[in-house]
Amino acid sequence: MNRYFVPFAQLRQQPTILVDSVGNGATLTLAHWRGAPTPPALRHDTSAGSALRALHHSETPGLEAAAVTANHFDVDGFIGVWTLLNPGLALRHAELLRLVAGLGDFREIDLADPLADRALQLVCWLNAEEKARFYEPFGAPARRRREDEASAGKFAWFLPRFAEMLENPEAGRAAWQPEYERVRQAAARMREPQTNWRRYPEISLAVVATPTPVSYYALFGPTAGSDIVLSLYEGQRYELEYKYTTWIDLESRPTLPRLPLAPLVARLNALETSTRAWAADGITDTGPLLRLSGKKLTKAERYADPDGRPIYASSIVPEVFEREVVAFFQAGYAGIQPKKDWTWAEVKAAG
């Protein structure tokens, strides 16, 4: 079958497969979003992984549709759409495409994996070309455009060009090399003696004490299996973040529900004696951050790498800060067992 991409606004104009999105009128949904109606046999941690599974289940109702769409452009969604349009090539590179999608969405990668280098190159190429030719992720509102409309241009540009990059990443070296080198150097720093890791698996928390902020790909790579990351930087600068792994329906393992961070914010503000105040995003944000407030960050700035935003000095010493964070989650998760397929109603009730 020769499938083709259509902008999201055309979802109901013909039988259409919806990738990495939810919406009424799709003949088939392939998405890891919480509560998405993805067929059980096709569920995967990434939406692209669901698309790859669909290629092995041709009998799936709705898969006969020729049109494919998504309501936004990101690495995982793009790989899922491209997979359905290029099934033969996608199946030959299935494991690499799964790594690319996972790195794009979760910012996690094991650099010891034989395919990790190529996956990182492809993600960096997508990132670089997206920013140079269009706009950064979550940047549509600042341009007074709707993402579901504006992203169609990105798909139109990337879809016919990705196959060459998949088979010959060297063709795009000029675009991917700057971020690739930055990530590799940062990942190396995260393995040096001045960086220390502590893990609290019972609350799914990874704590990293490291001199300076780094890119998410370097920061989150070693946190695979944890859903909360506390970063402690020199100069008593801190950030706490819920990873995207608890916004979606993660298929590979059970998770704990997100807890509202307002009580922790209140406790930290009671201890804080600087002129700044602690603040946190709501639990339905894709990646809620807790940080000392300055100029309010846009969604695009919060999604961008930690080394690209200001992180302010706190009066609280690192040992106390970590102790408060750990105590908050230990108390909040007492009596709650990890599970799969949390609904948002269950998440909110747990908090």
C-alpha atoms as a PDB file:
ATOM      1  CA  MET A   1       0.000   0.000   0.000  1.00  0.00           C
ATOM      2  CA  ASN A   2       1.181   3.518  -0.827  1.00  0.00           C
ATOM      3  CA  ARG A   3       0.342   5.623   2.197  1.00  0.00           C
ATOM      4  CA  TYR A   4       0.613   9.406   2.288  1.00  0.00           C
ATOM      5  CA  PHE A   5       0.713  12.173   4.894  1.00  0.00           C
ATOM      6  CA  VAL A   6      -2.146  14.618   5.369  1.00  0.00           C
ATOM      7  CA  PRO A   7      -2.248  17.674   7.666  1.00  0.00           C
ATOM      8  CA  PHE A   8      -4.128  17.079  10.907  1.00  0.00           C
ATOM      9  CA  ALA A   9      -6.994  19.349   9.831  1.00  0.00           C
ATOM     10  CA  GLN A  10      -7.820  16.806   7.121  1.00  0.00           C
ATOM     11  CA  LEU A  11      -8.216  13.937   9.598  1.00  0.00           C
ATOM     12  CA  ARG A  12     -11.908  13.346   8.854  1.00  0.00           C
ATOM     13  CA  GLN A  13     -11.773  13.918   5.105  1.00  0.00           C
ATOM     14  CA  GLN A  14     -10.687  10.334   4.395  1.00  0.00           C
ATOM     15  CA  PRO A  15      -9.907   7.174   6.417  1.00  0.00           C
ATOM     16  CA  THR A  16      -6.794   8.212   8.367  1.00  0.00           C
ATOM     17  CA  ILE A  17      -4.302   6.654  10.791  1.00  0.00           C
ATOM     18  CA  LEU A  18      -3.410   8.985  13.669  1.00  0.00           C
ATOM     19  CA  VAL A  19       0.121   8.773  15.091  1.00  0.00           C
ATOM     20  CA  ASP A  20       1.414  10.097  18.447  1.00  0.00           C
ATOM     21  CA  SER A  21      -1.809  12.065  18.909  1.00  0.00           C
ATOM     22  CA  VAL A  22      -5.422  11.643  19.913  1.00  0.00           C
ATOM     23  CA  GLY A  23      -8.484  12.896  18.101  1.00  0.00           C
ATOM     24  CA  ASN A  24     -11.940  11.882  16.999  1.00  0.00           C
ATOM     25  CA  GLY A  25     -12.392  10.431  13.546  1.00  0.00           C
ATOM     26  CA  ALA A  26      -9.241   8.331  13.168  1.00  0.00           C
ATOM     27  CA  THR A  27      -9.644   4.824  11.787  1.00  0.00           C
ATOM     28  CA  LEU A  28      -6.664   3.720  13.914  1.00  0.00           C
ATOM     29  CA  THR A  29      -4.667   5.449  16.647  1.00  0.00           C
ATOM     30  CA  LEU A  30      -1.017   4.559  17.279  1.00  0.00           C
ATOM     31  CA  ALA A  31      -0.008   6.637  20.288  1.00  0.00           C
ATOM     32  CA  HIS A  32       1.492   6.175  23.718  1.00  0.00           C
ATOM     33  CA  TRP A  33      -0.456   9.088  25.170  1.00  0.00           C
ATOM     34  CA  ARG A  34      -2.251   8.309  28.406  1.00  0.00           C
ATOM     35  CA  GLY A  35      -5.615   6.771  27.576  1.00  0.00           C
ATOM     36  CA  ALA A  36      -5.060   6.667  23.797  1.00  0.00           C
ATOM     37  CA  PRO A  37      -7.097   3.897  22.085  1.00  0.00           C
ATOM     38  CA  THR A  38      -4.053   2.099  20.688  1.00  0.00           C
ATOM     39  CA  PRO A  39      -4.845  -1.608  20.146  1.00  0.00           C
ATOM     40  CA  PRO A  40      -3.308  -3.648  23.006  1.00  0.00           C
ATOM     41  CA  ALA A  41      -1.188  -5.796  20.672  1.00  0.00           C
ATOM     42  CA  LEU A  42       0.442  -2.676  19.215  1.00  0.00           C
ATOM     43  CA  ARG A  43       1.230  -0.792  22.414  1.00  0.00           C
ATOM     44  CA  HIS A  44       4.839   0.269  22.951  1.00  0.00           C
ATOM     45  CA  ASP A  45       6.731   2.818  25.031  1.00  0.00           C
ATOM     46  CA  THR A  46       6.963   5.051  21.949  1.00  0.00           C
ATOM     47  CA  SER A  47       4.369   5.836  19.315  1.00  0.00           C
ATOM     48  CA  ALA A  48       6.933   4.947  16.657  1.00  0.00           C
ATOM     49  CA  GLY A  49       7.294   1.570  18.340  1.00  0.00           C
ATOM     50  CA  SER A  50       3.552   1.067  17.948  1.00  0.00           C
ATOM     51  CA  ALA A  51       3.819   1.953  14.254  1.00  0.00           C
ATOM     52  CA  LEU A  52       6.602  -0.612  13.844  1.00  0.00           C
ATOM     53  CA  ARG A  53       4.499  -3.255  15.598  1.00  0.00           C
ATOM     54  CA  ALA A  54       1.598  -2.422  13.291  1.00  0.00           C
ATOM     55  CA  LEU A  55       3.725  -3.458  10.316  1.00  0.00           C
ATOM     56  CA  HIS A  56       3.688  -7.008  11.730  1.00  0.00           C
ATOM     57  CA  HIS A  57      -0.095  -6.956  12.289  1.00  0.00           C
ATOM     58  CA  SER A  58      -1.531  -6.168   8.877  1.00  0.00           C
ATOM     59  CA  GLU A  59      -4.915  -7.535   9.976  1.00  0.00           C
ATOM     60  CA  THR A  60      -5.384  -4.687  12.483  1.00  0.00           C
ATOM     61  CA  PRO A  61      -8.702  -2.905  11.814  1.00  0.00           C
ATOM     62  CA  GLY A  62      -8.034   0.572  10.436  1.00  0.00           C
ATOM     63  CA  LEU A  63      -4.555  -0.194   9.159  1.00  0.00           C
ATOM     64  CA  GLU A  64      -5.935  -0.371   5.630  1.00  0.00           C
ATOM     65  CA  ALA A  65      -6.263   3.442   5.619  1.00  0.00           C
ATOM     66  CA  ALA A  66      -3.862   5.158   3.229  1.00  0.00           C
ATOM     67  CA  ALA A  67      -3.726   8.589   4.906  1.00  0.00           C
ATOM     68  CA  VAL A  68      -1.532   9.185   7.968  1.00  0.00           C
ATOM     69  CA  THR A  69      -1.388  12.266  10.200  1.00  0.00           C
ATOM     70  CA  ALA A  70      -0.201  13.696  13.542  1.00  0.00           C
ATOM     71  CA  ASN A  71      -1.190  16.846  15.416  1.00  0.00           C
ATOM     72  CA  HIS A  72       2.387  17.946  16.125  1.00  0.00           C
ATOM     73  CA  PHE A  73       5.924  17.361  14.951  1.00  0.00           C
ATOM     74  CA  ASP A  74       8.493  15.726  17.212  1.00  0.00           C
ATOM     75  CA  VAL A  75      11.037  12.958  16.769  1.00  0.00           C
ATOM     76  CA  ASP A  76       8.819  10.108  17.968  1.00  0.00           C
ATOM     77  CA  GLY A  77       5.774  11.223  16.020  1.00  0.00           C
ATOM     78  CA  PHE A  78       7.779  11.853  12.875  1.00  0.00           C
ATOM     79  CA  ILE A  79       9.431   8.422  13.030  1.00  0.00           C
ATOM     80  CA  GLY A  80       6.006   6.830  13.497  1.00  0.00           C
ATOM     81  CA  VAL A  81       4.541   8.619  10.483  1.00  0.00           C
ATOM     82  CA  TRP A  82       7.617   7.913   8.346  1.00  0.00           C
ATOM     83  CA  THR A  83       7.504   4.228   9.337  1.00  0.00           C
ATOM     84  CA  LEU A  84       3.977   3.804   8.020  1.00  0.00           C
ATOM     85  CA  LEU A  85       4.895   5.533   4.759  1.00  0.00           C
ATOM     86  CA  ASN A  86       8.121   3.526   4.307  1.00  0.00           C
ATOM     87  CA  PRO A  87       7.399   0.058   5.762  1.00  0.00           C
ATOM     88  CA  GLY A  88      10.122  -1.908   3.976  1.00  0.00           C
ATOM     89  CA  LEU A  89      12.945   0.426   4.927  1.00  0.00           C
ATOM     90  CA  ALA A  90      11.513   0.885   8.408  1.00  0.00           C
ATOM     91  CA  LEU A  91      11.526  -2.856   9.100  1.00  0.00           C
ATOM     92  CA  ARG A  92      15.173  -3.115   7.962  1.00  0.00           C
ATOM     93  CA  HIS A  93      16.122  -0.405  10.450  1.00  0.00           C
ATOM     94  CA  ALA A  94      13.535  -1.163  13.140  1.00  0.00           C
ATOM     95  CA  GLU A  95      15.865  -1.318  16.140  1.00  0.00           C
ATOM     96  CA  LEU A  96      17.624   1.902  15.163  1.00  0.00           C
ATOM     97  CA  LEU A  97      14.282   3.669  14.680  1.00  0.00           C
ATOM     98  CA  ARG A  98      13.132   2.548  18.139  1.00  0.00           C
ATOM     99  CA  LEU A  99      16.285   4.049  19.640  1.00  0.00           C
ATOM    100  CA  VAL A 100      15.766   7.300  17.725  1.00  0.00           C
ATOM    101  CA  ALA A 101      12.160   7.592  18.921  1.00  0.00           C
ATOM    102  CA  GLY A 102      13.071   6.810  22.526  1.00  0.00           C
ATOM    103  CA  LEU A 103      15.914   9.302  22.541  1.00  0.00           C
ATOM    104  CA  GLY A 104      13.681  11.954  21.025  1.00  0.00           C
ATOM    105  CA  ASP A 105      10.894  11.574  23.582  1.00  0.00           C
ATOM    106  CA  PHE A 106      12.575  10.378  26.788  1.00  0.00           C
ATOM    107  CA  ARG A 107      16.052  11.857  26.225  1.00  0.00           C
ATOM    108  CA  GLU A 108      17.457   8.469  27.294  1.00  0.00           C
ATOM    109  CA  ILE A 109      20.204   6.597  25.480  1.00  0.00           C
ATOM    110  CA  ASP A 110      22.791   4.003  26.426  1.00  0.00           C
ATOM    111  CA  LEU A 111      25.884   5.220  24.588  1.00  0.00           C
ATOM    112  CA  ALA A 112      27.388   1.735  24.862  1.00  0.00           C
ATOM    113  CA  ASP A 113      24.684   0.413  22.519  1.00  0.00           C
ATOM    114  CA  PRO A 114      26.203  -0.353  19.090  1.00  0.00           C
ATOM    115  CA  LEU A 115      23.455   1.709  17.412  1.00  0.00           C
ATOM    116  CA  ALA A 116      23.564   4.619  19.870  1.00  0.00           C
ATOM    117  CA  ASP A 117      25.948   6.727  17.801  1.00  0.00           C
ATOM    118  CA  ARG A 118      23.765   6.559  14.700  1.00  0.00           C
ATOM    119  CA  ALA A 119      20.620   7.217  16.723  1.00  0.00           C
ATOM    120  CA  LEU A 120      22.177  10.303  18.288  1.00  0.00           C
ATOM    121  CA  GLN A 121      23.317  11.574  14.890  1.00  0.00           C
ATOM    122  CA  LEU A 122      19.822  11.190  13.440  1.00  0.00           C
ATOM    123  CA  VAL A 123      18.156  12.946  16.372  1.00  0.00           C
ATOM    124  CA  CYS A 124      20.681  15.790  16.257  1.00  0.00           C
ATOM    125  CA  TRP A 125      20.069  16.128  12.502  1.00  0.00           C
ATOM    126  CA  LEU A 126      16.319  16.326  13.034  1.00  0.00           C
ATOM    127  CA  ASN A 127      16.788  18.874  15.825  1.00  0.00           C
ATOM    128  CA  ALA A 128      19.190  21.059  13.869  1.00  0.00           C
ATOM    129  CA  GLU A 129      17.208  21.132  10.648  1.00  0.00           C
ATOM    130  CA  GLU A 130      13.939  21.717  12.502  1.00  0.00           C
ATOM    131  CA  LYS A 131      15.314  24.785  14.278  1.00  0.00           C
ATOM    132  CA  ALA A 132      17.178  26.150  11.252  1.00  0.00           C
ATOM    133  CA  ARG A 133      14.359  25.776   8.736  1.00  0.00           C
ATOM    134  CA  PHE A 134      11.242  26.119  10.877  1.00  0.00           C
ATOM    135  CA  TYR A 135      10.950  26.759  14.626  1.00  0.00           C
ATOM    136  CA  GLU A 136      11.972  25.053  17.866  1.00  0.00           C
ATOM    137  CA  PRO A 137       9.719  22.482  19.614  1.00  0.00           C
ATOM    138  CA  PHE A 138       6.719  24.177  21.293  1.00  0.00           C
ATOM    139  CA  GLY A 139       7.608  27.363  19.430  1.00  0.00           C
ATOM    140  CA  ALA A 140       4.443  27.694  17.335  1.00  0.00           C
ATOM    141  CA  PRO A 141       2.417  29.765  19.862  1.00  0.00           C
ATOM    142  CA  ALA A 142       5.135  32.420  20.013  1.00  0.00           C
ATOM    143  CA  ARG A 143       4.676  32.769  16.265  1.00  0.00           C
ATOM    144  CA  ARG A 144       0.891  32.993  16.722  1.00  0.00           C
ATOM    145  CA  ARG A 145       0.366  29.725  14.941  1.00  0.00           C
ATOM    146  CA  ARG A 146      -1.319  26.478  15.940  1.00  0.00           C
ATOM    147  CA  GLU A 147       1.063  23.535  16.181  1.00  0.00           C
ATOM    148  CA  ASP A 148      -1.276  21.151  14.384  1.00  0.00           C
ATOM    149  CA  GLU A 149      -1.319  23.530  11.407  1.00  0.00           C
ATOM    150  CA  ALA A 150       2.280  24.791  11.476  1.00  0.00           C
ATOM    151  CA  SER A 151       3.822  21.328  11.850  1.00  0.00           C
ATOM    152  CA  ALA A 152       2.511  20.176   8.459  1.00  0.00           C
ATOM    153  CA  GLY A 153       5.345  22.079   6.784  1.00  0.00           C
ATOM    154  CA  LYS A 154       7.900  20.199   8.848  1.00  0.00           C
ATOM    155  CA  PHE A 155       6.482  16.837   7.794  1.00  0.00           C
ATOM    156  CA  ALA A 156       6.447  17.938   4.152  1.00  0.00           C
ATOM    157  CA  TRP A 157      10.156  18.814   4.318  1.00  0.00           C
ATOM    158  CA  PHE A 158      11.454  15.892   6.400  1.00  0.00           C
ATOM    159  CA  LEU A 159       9.447  12.959   5.035  1.00  0.00           C
ATOM    160  CA  PRO A 160      11.133  12.783   1.586  1.00  0.00           C
ATOM    161  CA  ARG A 161      14.621  13.415   3.030  1.00  0.00           C
ATOM    162  CA  PHE A 162      14.842  11.074   6.012  1.00  0.00           C
ATOM    163  CA  ALA A 163      15.532   7.845   4.095  1.00  0.00           C
ATOM    164  CA  GLU A 164      18.861   9.170   2.822  1.00  0.00           C
ATOM    165  CA  MET A 165      19.887  10.219   6.316  1.00  0.00           C
ATOM    166  CA  LEU A 166      18.851   6.855   7.758  1.00  0.00           C
ATOM    167  CA  GLU A 167      21.092   4.967   5.352  1.00  0.00           C
ATOM    168  CA  ASN A 168      23.867   7.560   5.101  1.00  0.00           C
ATOM    169  CA  PRO A 169      24.107   9.841   8.172  1.00  0.00           C
ATOM    170  CA  GLU A 170      27.339  11.334   6.814  1.00  0.00           C
ATOM    171  CA  ALA A 171      25.220  13.223   4.288  1.00  0.00           C
ATOM    172  CA  GLY A 172      23.955  15.431   7.104  1.00  0.00           C
ATOM    173  CA  ARG A 173      27.121  15.741   9.182  1.00  0.00           C
ATOM    174  CA  ALA A 174      27.295  19.529   8.836  1.00  0.00           C
ATOM    175  CA  ALA A 175      23.901  19.794  10.522  1.00  0.00           C
ATOM    176  CA  TRP A 176      24.177  17.110  13.224  1.00  0.00           C
ATOM    177  CA  GLN A 177      27.809  17.377  14.288  1.00  0.00           C
ATOM    178  CA  PRO A 178      27.648  20.472  16.575  1.00  0.00           C
ATOM    179  CA  GLU A 179      24.959  19.078  18.885  1.00  0.00           C
ATOM    180  CA  TYR A 180      26.342  15.548  18.594  1.00  0.00           C
ATOM    181  CA  GLU A 181      29.787  16.663  19.798  1.00  0.00           C
ATOM    182  CA  ARG A 182      28.249  18.720  22.610  1.00  0.00           C
ATOM    183  CA  VAL A 183      26.244  15.736  23.833  1.00  0.00           C
ATOM    184  CA  ARG A 184      29.167  13.305  23.631  1.00  0.00           C
ATOM    185  CA  GLN A 185      31.409  15.686  25.591  1.00  0.00           C
ATOM    186  CA  ALA A 186      28.708  16.282  28.200  1.00  0.00           C
ATOM    187  CA  ALA A 187      28.065  12.544  28.537  1.00  0.00           C
ATOM    188  CA  ALA A 188      31.768  12.018  29.168  1.00  0.00           C
ATOM    189  CA  ARG A 189      31.693  14.667  31.918  1.00  0.00           C
ATOM    190  CA  MET A 190      28.778  12.866  33.546  1.00  0.00           C
ATOM    191  CA  ARG A 191      31.025   9.805  33.950  1.00  0.00           C
ATOM    192  CA  GLU A 192      33.900  11.705  35.571  1.00  0.00           C
ATOM    193  CA  PRO A 193      34.672  11.578  39.327  1.00  0.00           C
ATOM    194  CA  GLN A 194      33.208  15.050  40.028  1.00  0.00           C
ATOM    195  CA  THR A 195      29.758  13.743  39.102  1.00  0.00           C
ATOM    196  CA  ASN A 196      28.005  11.597  41.693  1.00  0.00           C
ATOM    197  CA  TRP A 197      24.816   9.587  41.290  1.00  0.00           C
ATOM    198  CA  ARG A 198      22.409   8.429  43.986  1.00  0.00           C
ATOM    199  CA  ARG A 199      19.286   6.411  43.303  1.00  0.00           C
ATOM    200  CA  TYR A 200      16.141   5.897  45.336  1.00  0.00           C
ATOM    201  CA  PRO A 201      14.351   3.157  43.365  1.00  0.00           C
ATOM    202  CA  GLU A 202      11.415   2.904  45.785  1.00  0.00           C
ATOM    203  CA  ILE A 203      10.371   6.438  44.751  1.00  0.00           C
ATOM    204  CA  SER A 204      11.781   6.245  41.195  1.00  0.00           C
ATOM    205  CA  LEU A 205      14.175   9.127  41.917  1.00  0.00           C
ATOM    206  CA  ALA A 206      17.657   9.618  40.466  1.00  0.00           C
ATOM    207  CA  VAL A 207      19.854  12.301  42.040  1.00  0.00           C
ATOM    208  CA  VAL A 208      22.868  13.666  40.211  1.00  0.00           C
ATOM    209  CA  ALA A 209      25.387  16.058  41.737  1.00  0.00           C
ATOM    210  CA  THR A 210      27.491  17.570  38.949  1.00  0.00           C
ATOM    211  CA  PRO A 211      29.315  20.890  38.495  1.00  0.00           C
ATOM    212  CA  THR A 212      27.288  22.455  35.678  1.00  0.00           C
ATOM    213  CA  PRO A 213      24.075  21.850  33.702  1.00  0.00           C
ATOM    214  CA  VAL A 214      24.344  19.742  30.549  1.00  0.00           C
ATOM    215  CA  SER A 215      22.086  18.707  27.670  1.00  0.00           C
ATOM    216  CA  TYR A 216      19.129  16.476  28.441  1.00  0.00           C
ATOM    217  CA  TYR A 217      20.570  13.643  26.339  1.00  0.00           C
ATOM    218  CA  ALA A 218      23.614  13.545  28.628  1.00  0.00           C
ATOM    219  CA  LEU A 219      21.647  14.163  31.829  1.00  0.00           C
ATOM    220  CA  PHE A 220      18.784  11.700  31.335  1.00  0.00           C
ATOM    221  CA  GLY A 221      20.706   8.886  29.643  1.00  0.00           C
ATOM    222  CA  PRO A 222      21.990   7.451  32.945  1.00  0.00           C
ATOM    223  CA  THR A 223      18.552   7.866  34.594  1.00  0.00           C
ATOM    224  CA  ALA A 224      16.767   5.170  32.536  1.00  0.00           C
ATOM    225  CA  GLY A 225      14.382   3.316  34.820  1.00  0.00           C
ATOM    226  CA  SER A 226      13.787   6.375  37.022  1.00  0.00           C
ATOM    227  CA  ASP A 227      10.961   8.852  36.498  1.00  0.00           C
ATOM    228  CA  ILE A 228      12.086  11.802  38.645  1.00  0.00           C
ATOM    229  CA  VAL A 229      15.465  13.538  38.375  1.00  0.00           C
ATOM    230  CA  LEU A 230      16.975  15.883  40.949  1.00  0.00           C
ATOM    231  CA  SER A 231      19.958  17.811  39.603  1.00  0.00           C
ATOM    232  CA  LEU A 232      22.305  19.419  42.139  1.00  0.00           C
ATOM    233  CA  TYR A 233      24.743  21.859  40.529  1.00  0.00           C
ATOM    234  CA  GLU A 234      27.645  23.790  42.023  1.00  0.00           C
ATOM    235  CA  GLY A 235      26.713  27.049  43.681  1.00  0.00           C
ATOM    236  CA  GLN A 236      23.607  25.537  45.324  1.00  0.00           C
ATOM    237  CA  ARG A 237      21.637  25.553  42.069  1.00  0.00           C
ATOM    238  CA  TYR A 238      18.952  22.889  41.771  1.00  0.00           C
ATOM    239  CA  GLU A 239      16.211  21.600  39.484  1.00  0.00           C
ATOM    240  CA  LEU A 240      13.734  18.765  40.004  1.00  0.00           C
ATOM    241  CA  GLU A 241      11.876  17.297  37.032  1.00  0.00           C
ATOM    242  CA  TYR A 242       9.260  14.672  36.330  1.00  0.00           C
ATOM    243  CA  LYS A 243      10.328  12.859  33.185  1.00  0.00           C
ATOM    244  CA  TYR A 244       8.003  12.344  30.225  1.00  0.00           C
ATOM    245  CA  THR A 245       7.868   8.649  31.145  1.00  0.00           C
ATOM    246  CA  THR A 246       5.050   9.442  33.614  1.00  0.00           C
ATOM    247  CA  TRP A 247       2.989  11.553  31.184  1.00  0.00           C
ATOM    248  CA  ILE A 248       2.427   8.641  28.798  1.00  0.00           C
ATOM    249  CA  ASP A 249       1.253   5.050  29.178  1.00  0.00           C
ATOM    250  CA  LEU A 250       4.638   3.362  29.532  1.00  0.00           C
ATOM    251  CA  GLU A 251       4.341  -0.215  28.296  1.00  0.00           C
ATOM    252  CA  SER A 252       7.669  -1.698  29.437  1.00  0.00           C
ATOM    253  CA  ARG A 253       7.353  -1.252  33.192  1.00  0.00           C
ATOM    254  CA  PRO A 254       4.967  -0.047  35.921  1.00  0.00           C
ATOM    255  CA  THR A 255       5.313   3.512  37.219  1.00  0.00           C
ATOM    256  CA  LEU A 256       4.225   5.582  40.199  1.00  0.00           C
ATOM    257  CA  PRO A 257       1.751   8.425  39.660  1.00  0.00           C
ATOM    258  CA  ARG A 258       2.922  12.013  39.658  1.00  0.00           C
ATOM    259  CA  LEU A 259       2.332  13.841  42.943  1.00  0.00           C
ATOM    260  CA  PRO A 260       1.411  17.551  42.957  1.00  0.00           C
ATOM    261  CA  LEU A 261       4.529  19.471  43.889  1.00  0.00           C
ATOM    262  CA  ALA A 262       2.783  22.360  45.699  1.00  0.00           C
ATOM    263  CA  PRO A 263       3.432  20.950  49.213  1.00  0.00           C
ATOM    264  CA  LEU A 264       7.129  20.508  48.413  1.00  0.00           C
ATOM    265  CA  VAL A 265       7.249  24.026  46.993  1.00  0.00           C
ATOM    266  CA  ALA A 266       5.701  25.359  50.212  1.00  0.00           C
ATOM    267  CA  ARG A 267       8.239  23.490  52.352  1.00  0.00           C
ATOM    268  CA  LEU A 268      11.191  24.734  50.287  1.00  0.00           C
ATOM    269  CA  ASN A 269       9.908  28.305  50.394  1.00  0.00           C
ATOM    270  CA  ALA A 270       9.706  28.055  54.186  1.00  0.00           C
ATOM    271  CA  LEU A 271      13.424  27.162  54.188  1.00  0.00           C
ATOM    272  CA  GLU A 272      14.516  29.579  51.429  1.00  0.00           C
ATOM    273  CA  THR A 273      16.047  32.856  52.639  1.00  0.00           C
ATOM    274  CA  SER A 274      17.181  34.285  49.292  1.00  0.00           C
ATOM    275  CA  THR A 275      15.061  36.836  47.448  1.00  0.00           C
ATOM    276  CA  ARG A 276      13.687  34.192  45.072  1.00  0.00           C
ATOM    277  CA  ALA A 277      10.833  31.729  45.513  1.00  0.00           C
ATOM    278  CA  TRP A 278      10.389  28.110  44.512  1.00  0.00           C
ATOM    279  CA  ALA A 279       7.738  27.277  41.919  1.00  0.00           C
ATOM    280  CA  ALA A 280       6.647  24.183  39.988  1.00  0.00           C
ATOM    281  CA  ASP A 281       4.565  23.289  36.953  1.00  0.00           C
ATOM    282  CA  GLY A 282       1.357  21.278  37.254  1.00  0.00           C
ATOM    283  CA  ILE A 283       1.417  17.497  37.013  1.00  0.00           C
ATOM    284  CA  THR A 284      -0.330  17.410  33.624  1.00  0.00           C
ATOM    285  CA  ASP A 285       2.555  19.275  31.979  1.00  0.00           C
ATOM    286  CA  THR A 286       4.653  16.959  29.807  1.00  0.00           C
ATOM    287  CA  GLY A 287       7.757  17.561  31.942  1.00  0.00           C
ATOM    288  CA  PRO A 288       6.985  19.518  35.122  1.00  0.00           C
ATOM    289  CA  LEU A 289       9.928  21.452  36.544  1.00  0.00           C
ATOM    290  CA  LEU A 290      10.499  22.618  40.110  1.00  0.00           C
ATOM    291  CA  ARG A 291      13.015  25.476  40.270  1.00  0.00           C
ATOM    292  CA  LEU A 292      13.786  28.817  41.816  1.00  0.00           C
ATOM    293  CA  SER A 293      11.779  31.366  39.903  1.00  0.00           C
ATOM    294  CA  GLY A 294      13.087  34.227  37.836  1.00  0.00           C
ATOM    295  CA  LYS A 295      11.609  35.285  34.527  1.00  0.00           C
ATOM    296  CA  LYS A 296       8.832  32.810  33.804  1.00  0.00           C
ATOM    297  CA  LEU A 297      10.065  30.306  31.260  1.00  0.00           C
ATOM    298  CA  THR A 298       8.033  29.538  28.171  1.00  0.00           C
ATOM    299  CA  LYS A 299       7.188  25.938  27.327  1.00  0.00           C
ATOM    300  CA  ALA A 300       9.846  26.051  24.613  1.00  0.00           C
ATOM    301  CA  GLU A 301      12.454  27.260  27.131  1.00  0.00           C
ATOM    302  CA  ARG A 302      11.503  24.572  29.637  1.00  0.00           C
ATOM    303  CA  TYR A 303      11.719  21.890  26.953  1.00  0.00           C
ATOM    304  CA  ALA A 304      15.142  23.144  25.830  1.00  0.00           C
ATOM    305  CA  ASP A 305      18.324  21.891  27.528  1.00  0.00           C
ATOM    306  CA  PRO A 306      19.131  22.824  31.151  1.00  0.00           C
ATOM    307  CA  ASP A 307      22.435  24.396  30.061  1.00  0.00           C
ATOM    308  CA  GLY A 308      20.471  26.914  28.000  1.00  0.00           C
ATOM    309  CA  ARG A 309      18.414  28.483  30.803  1.00  0.00           C
ATOM    310  CA  PRO A 310      19.309  30.362  34.006  1.00  0.00           C
ATOM    311  CA  ILE A 311      19.360  28.262  37.182  1.00  0.00           C
ATOM    312  CA  TYR A 312      19.513  30.384  40.322  1.00  0.00           C
ATOM    313  CA  ALA A 313      21.412  29.930  43.586  1.00  0.00           C
ATOM    314  CA  SER A 314      19.458  28.816  46.637  1.00  0.00           C
ATOM    315  CA  SER A 315      20.183  29.478  50.308  1.00  0.00           C
ATOM    316  CA  ILE A 316      19.460  25.804  51.033  1.00  0.00           C
ATOM    317  CA  VAL A 317      22.529  23.558  51.197  1.00  0.00           C
ATOM    318  CA  PRO A 318      22.523  20.479  48.920  1.00  0.00           C
ATOM    319  CA  GLU A 319      22.261  17.915  51.700  1.00  0.00           C
ATOM    320  CA  VAL A 320      19.146  19.551  53.132  1.00  0.00           C
ATOM    321  CA  PHE A 321      17.584  20.039  49.707  1.00  0.00           C
ATOM    322  CA  GLU A 322      18.031  16.389  48.775  1.00  0.00           C
ATOM    323  CA  ARG A 323      16.751  15.263  52.165  1.00  0.00           C
ATOM    324  CA  GLU A 324      13.591  17.357  51.791  1.00  0.00           C
ATOM    325  CA  VAL A 325      12.921  16.042  48.288  1.00  0.00           C
ATOM    326  CA  VAL A 326      13.429  12.417  49.302  1.00  0.00           C
ATOM    327  CA  ALA A 327      11.250  12.796  52.415  1.00  0.00           C
ATOM    328  CA  PHE A 328       8.446  14.379  50.360  1.00  0.00           C
ATOM    329  CA  PHE A 329       8.276  11.540  47.860  1.00  0.00           C
ATOM    330  CA  GLN A 330       8.747   8.811  50.458  1.00  0.00           C
ATOM    331  CA  ALA A 331       5.786  10.155  52.418  1.00  0.00           C
ATOM    332  CA  GLY A 332       3.690  10.766  49.307  1.00  0.00           C
ATOM    333  CA  TYR A 333       4.248   7.310  47.849  1.00  0.00           C
ATOM    334  CA  ALA A 334       3.722   5.421  51.109  1.00  0.00           C
ATOM    335  CA  GLY A 335       1.092   2.791  50.386  1.00  0.00           C
ATOM    336  CA  ILE A 336       1.030   3.431  46.614  1.00  0.00           C
ATOM    337  CA  GLN A 337       2.164   0.603  44.363  1.00  0.00           C
ATOM    338  CA  PRO A 338       3.561   1.137  40.841  1.00  0.00           C
ATOM    339  CA  LYS A 339       1.313  -0.025  38.020  1.00  0.00           C
ATOM    340  CA  LYS A 340       0.689   0.434  34.320  1.00  0.00           C
ATOM    341  CA  ASP A 341      -2.078   2.402  32.638  1.00  0.00           C
ATOM    342  CA  TRP A 342      -2.770   5.080  35.231  1.00  0.00           C
ATOM    343  CA  THR A 343      -5.672   7.292  34.206  1.00  0.00           C
ATOM    344  CA  TRP A 344      -5.378  11.018  34.855  1.00  0.00           C
ATOM    345  CA  ALA A 345      -8.257  10.662  37.324  1.00  0.00           C
ATOM    346  CA  GLU A 346      -6.250   8.036  39.228  1.00  0.00           C
ATOM    347  CA  VAL A 347      -3.123  10.180  39.121  1.00  0.00           C
ATOM    348  CA  LYS A 348      -4.975  13.163  40.555  1.00  0.00           C
ATOM    349  CA  ALA A 349      -6.662  11.012  43.206  1.00  0.00           C
ATOM    350  CA  ALA A 350      -3.317   9.557  44.296  1.00  0.00           C
ATOM    351  CA  GLY A 351      -2.038  13.083  44.899  1.00  0.00           C
END
